[in-house]
Amino acid sequence: SSMELAELSGGRVGSAVSGKLGPLKLQGVKGKGARKAEIDAG
C-alpha cells in the first residue's frame, strides 16, 4: 500500500518520507493515464 524513502549517509538514516504508492493501492486507480498522474504527483 505504500512506498518509503530514506536518505542513507555516514552509517545513519537521515530524512525519511512515505507515500501511498504501493501497487495494491494503485490498483484502485482506474485508467493508465490516471495512474501515471497519481504516481507522478506522489
PDB file of all heavy atoms in Angstrom:
ATOM      1  N   SER A   1       0.792  -1.237   0.000  1.00  0.00           N
ATOM      2  CA  SER A   1       0.000   0.000   0.000  1.00  0.00           C
ATOM      3  C   SER A   1       0.816   1.274   0.000  1.00  0.00           C
ATOM      4  O   SER A   1       0.290   2.338  -0.306  1.00  0.00           O
ATOM      5  CB  SER A   1      -0.928   0.016   1.228  1.00  0.00           C
ATOM      6  OG  SER A   1      -1.885  -1.019   1.153  1.00  0.00           O
ATOM      7  N   SER A   2       2.088   1.208   0.361  1.00  0.00           N
ATOM      8  CA  SER A   2       2.870   2.435   0.479  1.00  0.00           C
ATOM      9  C   SER A   2       4.278   2.248  -0.052  1.00  0.00           C
ATOM     10  O   SER A   2       4.733   1.130  -0.303  1.00  0.00           O
ATOM     11  CB  SER A   2       2.928   2.884   1.948  1.00  0.00           C
ATOM     12  OG  SER A   2       3.660   1.951   2.729  1.00  0.00           O
ATOM     13  N   MET A   3       4.958   3.368  -0.229  1.00  0.00           N
ATOM     14  CA  MET A   3       6.370   3.367  -0.605  1.00  0.00           C
ATOM     15  C   MET A   3       7.089   4.350   0.307  1.00  0.00           C
ATOM     16  O   MET A   3       6.586   5.452   0.554  1.00  0.00           O
ATOM     17  CB  MET A   3       6.551   3.774  -2.059  1.00  0.00           C
ATOM     18  CG  MET A   3       8.003   3.689  -2.546  1.00  0.00           C
ATOM     19  SD  MET A   3       8.216   4.193  -4.271  1.00  0.00           S
ATOM     20  CE  MET A   3       8.170   5.988  -4.095  1.00  0.00           C
ATOM     21  N   GLU A   4       8.245   3.945   0.810  1.00  0.00           N
ATOM     22  CA  GLU A   4       9.022   4.789   1.722  1.00  0.00           C
ATOM     23  C   GLU A   4      10.377   5.133   1.114  1.00  0.00           C
ATOM     24  O   GLU A   4      10.983   4.313   0.416  1.00  0.00           O
ATOM     25  CB  GLU A   4       9.232   4.081   3.065  1.00  0.00           C
ATOM     26  CG  GLU A   4       8.024   4.093   3.983  1.00  0.00           C
ATOM     27  CD  GLU A   4       6.875   3.242   3.471  1.00  0.00           C
ATOM     28  OE1 GLU A   4       7.127   2.117   3.002  1.00  0.00           O
ATOM     29  OE2 GLU A   4       5.719   3.726   3.515  1.00  0.00           O
ATOM     30  N   LEU A   5      10.832   6.331   1.406  1.00  0.00           N
ATOM     31  CA  LEU A   5      12.160   6.793   1.000  1.00  0.00           C
ATOM     32  C   LEU A   5      12.916   7.268   2.234  1.00  0.00           C
ATOM     33  O   LEU A   5      12.331   7.895   3.118  1.00  0.00           O
ATOM     34  CB  LEU A   5      12.060   7.952   0.010  1.00  0.00           C
ATOM     35  CG  LEU A   5      11.329   7.718  -1.314  1.00  0.00           C
ATOM     36  CD1 LEU A   5      11.243   9.012  -2.109  1.00  0.00           C
ATOM     37  CD2 LEU A   5      12.018   6.636  -2.130  1.00  0.00           C
ATOM     38  N   ALA A   6      14.215   6.953   2.282  1.00  0.00           N
ATOM     39  CA  ALA A   6      15.049   7.415   3.395  1.00  0.00           C
ATOM     40  C   ALA A   6      16.466   7.656   2.890  1.00  0.00           C
ATOM     41  O   ALA A   6      17.016   6.841   2.149  1.00  0.00           O
ATOM     42  CB  ALA A   6      15.059   6.405   4.531  1.00  0.00           C
ATOM     43  N   GLU A   7      17.034   8.774   3.305  1.00  0.00           N
ATOM     44  CA  GLU A   7      18.413   9.071   2.945  1.00  0.00           C
ATOM     45  C   GLU A   7      19.371   8.278   3.831  1.00  0.00           C
ATOM     46  O   GLU A   7      19.152   8.160   5.041  1.00  0.00           O
ATOM     47  CB  GLU A   7      18.682  10.567   3.108  1.00  0.00           C
ATOM     48  CG  GLU A   7      17.898  11.440   2.143  1.00  0.00           C
ATOM     49  CD  GLU A   7      18.156  12.916   2.346  1.00  0.00           C
ATOM     50  OE1 GLU A   7      18.526  13.299   3.485  1.00  0.00           O
ATOM     51  OE2 GLU A   7      17.993  13.689   1.393  1.00  0.00           O
ATOM     52  N   LEU A   8      20.435   7.744   3.229  1.00  0.00           N
ATOM     53  CA  LEU A   8      21.457   6.998   3.953  1.00  0.00           C
ATOM     54  C   LEU A   8      22.802   7.672   3.746  1.00  0.00           C
ATOM     55  O   LEU A   8      23.221   7.907   2.605  1.00  0.00           O
ATOM     56  CB  LEU A   8      21.535   5.552   3.447  1.00  0.00           C
ATOM     57  CG  LEU A   8      20.241   4.729   3.501  1.00  0.00           C
ATOM     58  CD1 LEU A   8      20.448   3.371   2.860  1.00  0.00           C
ATOM     59  CD2 LEU A   8      19.760   4.573   4.930  1.00  0.00           C
ATOM     60  N   SER A   9      23.474   7.995   4.852  1.00  0.00           N
ATOM     61  CA  SER A   9      24.783   8.637   4.745  1.00  0.00           C
ATOM     62  C   SER A   9      25.519   8.518   6.064  1.00  0.00           C
ATOM     63  O   SER A   9      24.931   8.683   7.135  1.00  0.00           O
ATOM     64  CB  SER A   9      24.610  10.120   4.380  1.00  0.00           C
ATOM     65  OG  SER A   9      25.869  10.745   4.235  1.00  0.00           O
ATOM     66  N   GLY A  10      26.807   8.204   5.988  1.00  0.00           N
ATOM     67  CA  GLY A  10      27.633   8.142   7.190  1.00  0.00           C
ATOM     68  C   GLY A  10      27.166   7.116   8.197  1.00  0.00           C
ATOM     69  O   GLY A  10      27.358   7.300   9.397  1.00  0.00           O
ATOM     70  N   GLY A  11      26.580   6.026   7.736  1.00  0.00           N
ATOM     71  CA  GLY A  11      26.109   4.983   8.642  1.00  0.00           C
ATOM     72  C   GLY A  11      24.845   5.354   9.395  1.00  0.00           C
ATOM     73  O   GLY A  11      24.488   4.687  10.375  1.00  0.00           O
ATOM     74  N   ARG A  12      24.133   6.366   8.940  1.00  0.00           N
ATOM     75  CA  ARG A  12      22.914   6.828   9.607  1.00  0.00           C
ATOM     76  C   ARG A  12      21.774   6.974   8.615  1.00  0.00           C
ATOM     77  O   ARG A  12      21.992   7.170   7.423  1.00  0.00           O
ATOM     78  CB  ARG A  12      23.154   8.188  10.286  1.00  0.00           C
ATOM     79  CG  ARG A  12      24.251   8.189  11.329  1.00  0.00           C
ATOM     80  CD  ARG A  12      23.837   7.479  12.596  1.00  0.00           C
ATOM     81  NE  ARG A  12      24.898   7.471  13.593  1.00  0.00           N
ATOM     82  CZ  ARG A  12      24.806   6.847  14.758  1.00  0.00           C
ATOM     83  NH1 ARG A  12      23.707   6.182  15.059  1.00  0.00           N
ATOM     84  NH2 ARG A  12      25.804   6.873  15.618  1.00  0.00           N
ATOM     85  N   VAL A  13      20.553   6.914   9.140  1.00  0.00           N
ATOM     86  CA  VAL A  13      19.365   7.195   8.345  1.00  0.00           C
ATOM     87  C   VAL A  13      19.007   8.662   8.545  1.00  0.00           C
ATOM     88  O   VAL A  13      18.863   9.129   9.678  1.00  0.00           O
ATOM     89  CB  VAL A  13      18.182   6.305   8.763  1.00  0.00           C
ATOM     90  CG1 VAL A  13      16.946   6.617   7.921  1.00  0.00           C
ATOM     91  CG2 VAL A  13      18.549   4.828   8.635  1.00  0.00           C
ATOM     92  N   GLY A  14      18.867   9.381   7.448  1.00  0.00           N
ATOM     93  CA  GLY A  14      18.534  10.798   7.518  1.00  0.00           C
ATOM     94  C   GLY A  14      17.049  11.049   7.303  1.00  0.00           C
ATOM     95  O   GLY A  14      16.198  10.357   7.864  1.00  0.00           O
ATOM     96  N   SER A  15      16.727  11.995   6.460  1.00  0.00           N
ATOM     97  CA  SER A  15      15.330  12.349   6.186  1.00  0.00           C
ATOM     98  C   SER A  15      14.577  11.147   5.635  1.00  0.00           C
ATOM     99  O   SER A  15      15.106  10.388   4.816  1.00  0.00           O
ATOM    100  CB  SER A  15      15.266  13.510   5.192  1.00  0.00           C
ATOM    101  OG  SER A  15      15.895  14.655   5.715  1.00  0.00           O
ATOM    102  N   ALA A  16      13.331  10.997   6.076  1.00  0.00           N
ATOM    103  CA  ALA A  16      12.521   9.851   5.665  1.00  0.00           C
ATOM    104  C   ALA A  16      11.092  10.299   5.389  1.00  0.00           C
ATOM    105  O   ALA A  16      10.531  11.102   6.138  1.00  0.00           O
ATOM    106  CB  ALA A  16      12.535   8.781   6.764  1.00  0.00           C
ATOM    107  N   VAL A  17      10.521   9.785   4.298  1.00  0.00           N
ATOM    108  CA  VAL A  17       9.156  10.142   3.918  1.00  0.00           C
ATOM    109  C   VAL A  17       8.416   8.904   3.432  1.00  0.00           C
ATOM    110  O   VAL A  17       9.024   7.896   3.062  1.00  0.00           O
ATOM    111  CB  VAL A  17       9.126  11.223   2.816  1.00  0.00           C
ATOM    112  CG1 VAL A  17       9.691  12.534   3.325  1.00  0.00           C
ATOM    113  CG2 VAL A  17       9.869  10.757   1.569  1.00  0.00           C
ATOM    114  N   SER A  18       7.093   8.996   3.412  1.00  0.00           N
ATOM    115  CA  SER A  18       6.253   7.889   2.980  1.00  0.00           C
ATOM    116  C   SER A  18       5.164   8.415   2.055  1.00  0.00           C
ATOM    117  O   SER A  18       4.680   9.541   2.226  1.00  0.00           O
ATOM    118  CB  SER A  18       5.622   7.202   4.197  1.00  0.00           C
ATOM    119  OG  SER A  18       4.759   6.147   3.806  1.00  0.00           O
ATOM    120  N   GLY A  19       4.793   7.606   1.070  1.00  0.00           N
ATOM    121  CA  GLY A  19       3.718   7.981   0.150  1.00  0.00           C
ATOM    122  C   GLY A  19       2.855   6.775  -0.190  1.00  0.00           C
ATOM    123  O   GLY A  19       3.283   5.626  -0.057  1.00  0.00           O
ATOM    124  N   LYS A  20       1.649   7.035  -0.647  1.00  0.00           N
ATOM    125  CA  LYS A  20       0.684   5.959  -0.937  1.00  0.00           C
ATOM    126  C   LYS A  20       0.861   5.471  -2.371  1.00  0.00           C
ATOM    127  O   LYS A  20      -0.009   5.661  -3.226  1.00  0.00           O
ATOM    128  CB  LYS A  20      -0.728   6.462  -0.671  1.00  0.00           C
ATOM    129  CG  LYS A  20      -0.960   6.863   0.786  1.00  0.00           C
ATOM    130  CD  LYS A  20      -2.369   7.386   1.016  1.00  0.00           C
ATOM    131  CE  LYS A  20      -2.570   7.795   2.483  1.00  0.00           C
ATOM    132  NZ  LYS A  20      -3.945   8.284   2.750  1.00  0.00           N
ATOM    133  N   LEU A  21       1.986   4.813  -2.607  1.00  0.00           N
ATOM    134  CA  LEU A  21       2.347   4.397  -3.959  1.00  0.00           C
ATOM    135  C   LEU A  21       2.595   2.900  -4.072  1.00  0.00           C
ATOM    136  O   LEU A  21       3.287   2.452  -4.988  1.00  0.00           O
ATOM    137  CB  LEU A  21       3.583   5.172  -4.425  1.00  0.00           C
ATOM    138  CG  LEU A  21       3.392   6.677  -4.648  1.00  0.00           C
ATOM    139  CD1 LEU A  21       4.715   7.340  -5.003  1.00  0.00           C
ATOM    140  CD2 LEU A  21       2.369   6.933  -5.740  1.00  0.00           C
ATOM    141  N   GLY A  22       2.030   2.106  -3.156  1.00  0.00           N
ATOM    142  CA  GLY A  22       2.145   0.660  -3.283  1.00  0.00           C
ATOM    143  C   GLY A  22       1.253   0.139  -4.390  1.00  0.00           C
ATOM    144  O   GLY A  22       0.202   0.730  -4.688  1.00  0.00           O
ATOM    145  N   PRO A  23       1.630  -0.963  -5.049  1.00  0.00           N
ATOM    146  CA  PRO A  23       0.841  -1.469  -6.180  1.00  0.00           C
ATOM    147  C   PRO A  23      -0.584  -1.882  -5.816  1.00  0.00           C
ATOM    148  O   PRO A  23      -1.489  -1.733  -6.637  1.00  0.00           O
ATOM    149  CB  PRO A  23       1.659  -2.654  -6.695  1.00  0.00           C
ATOM    150  CG  PRO A  23       2.607  -2.992  -5.600  1.00  0.00           C
ATOM    151  CD  PRO A  23       2.858  -1.734  -4.848  1.00  0.00           C
ATOM    152  N   LEU A  24      -0.804  -2.405  -4.606  1.00  0.00           N
ATOM    153  CA  LEU A  24      -2.172  -2.732  -4.209  1.00  0.00           C
ATOM    154  C   LEU A  24      -3.029  -1.466  -4.135  1.00  0.00           C
ATOM    155  O   LEU A  24      -4.198  -1.454  -4.537  1.00  0.00           O
ATOM    156  CB  LEU A  24      -2.187  -3.445  -2.850  1.00  0.00           C
ATOM    157  CG  LEU A  24      -1.786  -4.917  -2.816  1.00  0.00           C
ATOM    158  CD1 LEU A  24      -1.782  -5.428  -1.380  1.00  0.00           C
ATOM    159  CD2 LEU A  24      -2.726  -5.766  -3.668  1.00  0.00           C
ATOM    160  N   LYS A  25      -2.446  -0.404  -3.613  1.00  0.00           N
ATOM    161  CA  LYS A  25      -3.153   0.877  -3.531  1.00  0.00           C
ATOM    162  C   LYS A  25      -3.444   1.415  -4.932  1.00  0.00           C
ATOM    163  O   LYS A  25      -4.549   1.892  -5.225  1.00  0.00           O
ATOM    164  CB  LYS A  25      -2.319   1.869  -2.735  1.00  0.00           C
ATOM    165  CG  LYS A  25      -2.870   3.288  -2.678  1.00  0.00           C
ATOM    166  CD  LYS A  25      -4.028   3.416  -1.723  1.00  0.00           C
ATOM    167  CE  LYS A  25      -3.574   3.342  -0.281  1.00  0.00           C
ATOM    168  NZ  LYS A  25      -4.679   3.583   0.676  1.00  0.00           N
ATOM    169  N   LEU A  26      -2.460   1.321  -5.812  1.00  0.00           N
ATOM    170  CA  LEU A  26      -2.607   1.889  -7.150  1.00  0.00           C
ATOM    171  C   LEU A  26      -3.533   1.071  -8.042  1.00  0.00           C
ATOM    172  O   LEU A  26      -4.009   1.573  -9.067  1.00  0.00           O
ATOM    173  CB  LEU A  26      -1.229   2.030  -7.801  1.00  0.00           C
ATOM    174  CG  LEU A  26      -0.316   3.090  -7.155  1.00  0.00           C
ATOM    175  CD1 LEU A  26       1.099   2.968  -7.690  1.00  0.00           C
ATOM    176  CD2 LEU A  26      -0.860   4.491  -7.395  1.00  0.00           C
ATOM    177  N   GLN A  27      -3.780  -0.187  -7.683  1.00  0.00           N
ATOM    178  CA  GLN A  27      -4.744  -0.980  -8.446  1.00  0.00           C
ATOM    179  C   GLN A  27      -6.135  -0.342  -8.424  1.00  0.00           C
ATOM    180  O   GLN A  27      -6.939  -0.560  -9.331  1.00  0.00           O
ATOM    181  CB  GLN A  27      -4.834  -2.410  -7.888  1.00  0.00           C
ATOM    182  CG  GLN A  27      -3.714  -3.319  -8.334  1.00  0.00           C
ATOM    183  CD  GLN A  27      -3.823  -4.705  -7.731  1.00  0.00           C
ATOM    184  OE1 GLN A  27      -4.496  -4.920  -6.730  1.00  0.00           O
ATOM    185  NE2 GLN A  27      -3.150  -5.673  -8.347  1.00  0.00           N
ATOM    186  N   GLY A  28      -6.394   0.447  -7.378  1.00  0.00           N
ATOM    187  CA  GLY A  28      -7.700   1.086  -7.264  1.00  0.00           C
ATOM    188  C   GLY A  28      -7.845   2.329  -8.109  1.00  0.00           C
ATOM    189  O   GLY A  28      -8.949   2.895  -8.194  1.00  0.00           O
ATOM    190  N   VAL A  29      -6.756   2.766  -8.755  1.00  0.00           N
ATOM    191  CA  VAL A  29      -6.820   3.936  -9.636  1.00  0.00           C
ATOM    192  C   VAL A  29      -7.138   3.448 -11.046  1.00  0.00           C
ATOM    193  O   VAL A  29      -6.347   2.733 -11.652  1.00  0.00           O
ATOM    194  CB  VAL A  29      -5.490   4.717  -9.618  1.00  0.00           C
ATOM    195  CG1 VAL A  29      -5.580   5.934 -10.540  1.00  0.00           C
ATOM    196  CG2 VAL A  29      -5.116   5.120  -8.203  1.00  0.00           C
ATOM    197  N   LYS A  30      -8.288   3.814 -11.556  1.00  0.00           N
ATOM    198  CA  LYS A  30      -8.748   3.301 -12.838  1.00  0.00           C
ATOM    199  C   LYS A  30      -8.161   4.114 -13.988  1.00  0.00           C
ATOM    200  O   LYS A  30      -8.217   5.344 -13.986  1.00  0.00           O
ATOM    201  CB  LYS A  30     -10.280   3.332 -12.908  1.00  0.00           C
ATOM    202  CG  LYS A  30     -10.954   2.549 -11.795  1.00  0.00           C
ATOM    203  CD  LYS A  30     -10.485   1.096 -11.753  1.00  0.00           C
ATOM    204  CE  LYS A  30     -11.159   0.311 -10.627  1.00  0.00           C
ATOM    205  NZ  LYS A  30     -10.611  -1.051 -10.507  1.00  0.00           N
ATOM    206  N   GLY A  31      -7.637   3.401 -14.977  1.00  0.00           N
ATOM    207  CA  GLY A  31      -7.084   4.032 -16.165  1.00  0.00           C
ATOM    208  C   GLY A  31      -5.597   4.263 -16.041  1.00  0.00           C
ATOM    209  O   GLY A  31      -5.115   4.775 -15.027  1.00  0.00           O
ATOM    210  N   LYS A  32      -4.851   3.904 -17.103  1.00  0.00           N
ATOM    211  CA  LYS A  32      -3.398   4.024 -17.048  1.00  0.00           C
ATOM    212  C   LYS A  32      -2.955   5.482 -16.937  1.00  0.00           C
ATOM    213  O   LYS A  32      -1.995   5.808 -16.229  1.00  0.00           O
ATOM    214  CB  LYS A  32      -2.784   3.387 -18.298  1.00  0.00           C
ATOM    215  CG  LYS A  32      -1.288   3.184 -18.195  1.00  0.00           C
ATOM    216  CD  LYS A  32      -0.761   2.265 -19.281  1.00  0.00           C
ATOM    217  CE  LYS A  32       0.730   2.010 -19.090  1.00  0.00           C
ATOM    218  NZ  LYS A  32       1.256   1.081 -20.114  1.00  0.00           N
ATOM    219  N   GLY A  33      -3.680   6.381 -17.623  1.00  0.00           N
ATOM    220  CA  GLY A  33      -3.328   7.793 -17.553  1.00  0.00           C
ATOM    221  C   GLY A  33      -3.512   8.359 -16.161  1.00  0.00           C
ATOM    222  O   GLY A  33      -2.668   9.118 -15.658  1.00  0.00           O
ATOM    223  N   ALA A  34      -4.625   7.980 -15.525  1.00  0.00           N
ATOM    224  CA  ALA A  34      -4.895   8.454 -14.168  1.00  0.00           C
ATOM    225  C   ALA A  34      -3.869   7.896 -13.192  1.00  0.00           C
ATOM    226  O   ALA A  34      -3.423   8.594 -12.270  1.00  0.00           O
ATOM    227  CB  ALA A  34      -6.302   8.049 -13.745  1.00  0.00           C
ATOM    228  N   ARG A  35      -3.472   6.639 -13.411  1.00  0.00           N
ATOM    229  CA  ARG A  35      -2.473   6.028 -12.522  1.00  0.00           C
ATOM    230  C   ARG A  35      -1.113   6.710 -12.686  1.00  0.00           C
ATOM    231  O   ARG A  35      -0.410   6.953 -11.703  1.00  0.00           O
ATOM    232  CB  ARG A  35      -2.361   4.530 -12.808  1.00  0.00           C
ATOM    233  CG  ARG A  35      -1.486   3.791 -11.805  1.00  0.00           C
ATOM    234  CD  ARG A  35      -1.636   2.297 -11.912  1.00  0.00           C
ATOM    235  NE  ARG A  35      -1.199   1.782 -13.188  1.00  0.00           N
ATOM    236  CZ  ARG A  35      -1.970   1.087 -14.027  1.00  0.00           C
ATOM    237  NH1 ARG A  35      -3.234   0.848 -13.715  1.00  0.00           N
ATOM    238  NH2 ARG A  35      -1.490   0.638 -15.183  1.00  0.00           N
ATOM    239  N   LYS A  36      -0.760   7.005 -13.933  1.00  0.00           N
ATOM    240  CA  LYS A  36       0.507   7.707 -14.175  1.00  0.00           C
ATOM    241  C   LYS A  36       0.507   9.063 -13.473  1.00  0.00           C
ATOM    242  O   LYS A  36       1.513   9.454 -12.852  1.00  0.00           O
ATOM    243  CB  LYS A  36       0.739   7.890 -15.674  1.00  0.00           C
ATOM    244  CG  LYS A  36       2.057   8.594 -16.006  1.00  0.00           C
ATOM    245  CD  LYS A  36       2.239   8.748 -17.513  1.00  0.00           C
ATOM    246  CE  LYS A  36       3.582   9.379 -17.831  1.00  0.00           C
ATOM    247  NZ  LYS A  36       3.741  10.722 -17.220  1.00  0.00           N
ATOM    248  N   ALA A  37      -0.597   9.777 -13.563  1.00  0.00           N
ATOM    249  CA  ALA A  37      -0.681  11.085 -12.903  1.00  0.00           C
ATOM    250  C   ALA A  37      -0.566  10.945 -11.390  1.00  0.00           C
ATOM    251  O   ALA A  37       0.094  11.764 -10.722  1.00  0.00           O
ATOM    252  CB  ALA A  37      -2.001  11.760 -13.280  1.00  0.00           C
ATOM    253  N   GLU A  38      -1.177   9.898 -10.832  1.00  0.00           N
ATOM    254  CA  GLU A  38      -1.111   9.643  -9.386  1.00  0.00           C
ATOM    255  C   GLU A  38       0.323   9.344  -8.959  1.00  0.00           C
ATOM    256  O   GLU A  38       0.814   9.857  -7.946  1.00  0.00           O
ATOM    257  CB  GLU A  38      -2.018   8.452  -9.044  1.00  0.00           C
ATOM    258  CG  GLU A  38      -2.091   8.123  -7.577  1.00  0.00           C
ATOM    259  CD  GLU A  38      -3.137   8.935  -6.834  1.00  0.00           C
ATOM    260  OE1 GLU A  38      -3.865   9.706  -7.485  1.00  0.00           O
ATOM    261  OE2 GLU A  38      -3.221   8.800  -5.608  1.00  0.00           O
ATOM    262  N   ILE A  39       1.026   8.520  -9.759  1.00  0.00           N
ATOM    263  CA  ILE A  39       2.413   8.169  -9.444  1.00  0.00           C
ATOM    264  C   ILE A  39       3.310   9.401  -9.550  1.00  0.00           C
ATOM    265  O   ILE A  39       4.127   9.681  -8.662  1.00  0.00           O
ATOM    266  CB  ILE A  39       2.910   7.049 -10.376  1.00  0.00           C
ATOM    267  CG1 ILE A  39       2.140   5.748 -10.114  1.00  0.00           C
ATOM    268  CG2 ILE A  39       4.416   6.815 -10.176  1.00  0.00           C
ATOM    269  CD1 ILE A  39       2.385   4.670 -11.148  1.00  0.00           C
ATOM    270  N   ASP A  40       3.144  10.157 -10.642  1.00  0.00           N
ATOM    271  CA  ASP A  40       3.970  11.356 -10.849  1.00  0.00           C
ATOM    272  C   ASP A  40       3.804  12.343  -9.694  1.00  0.00           C
ATOM    273  O   ASP A  40       4.791  12.882  -9.170  1.00  0.00           O
ATOM    274  CB  ASP A  40       3.595  12.038 -12.164  1.00  0.00           C
ATOM    275  CG  ASP A  40       4.081  11.278 -13.387  1.00  0.00           C
ATOM    276  OD1 ASP A  40       4.877  10.335 -13.206  1.00  0.00           O
ATOM    277  OD2 ASP A  40       3.662  11.612 -14.507  1.00  0.00           O
ATOM    278  N   ALA A  41       2.563  12.564  -9.291  1.00  0.00           N
ATOM    279  CA  ALA A  41       2.297  13.515  -8.215  1.00  0.00           C
ATOM    280  C   ALA A  41       2.858  13.016  -6.887  1.00  0.00           C
ATOM    281  O   ALA A  41       3.435  13.792  -6.112  1.00  0.00           O
ATOM    282  CB  ALA A  41       0.792  13.747  -8.095  1.00  0.00           C
ATOM    283  N   GLY A  42       2.708  11.716  -6.630  1.00  0.00           N
ATOM    284  CA  GLY A  42       3.201  11.143  -5.375  1.00  0.00           C
ATOM    285  C   GLY A  42       4.706  11.200  -5.263  1.00  0.00           C
ATOM    286  O   GLY A  42       5.254  11.576  -4.214  1.00  0.00           O
TER     287      GLY A  42
END
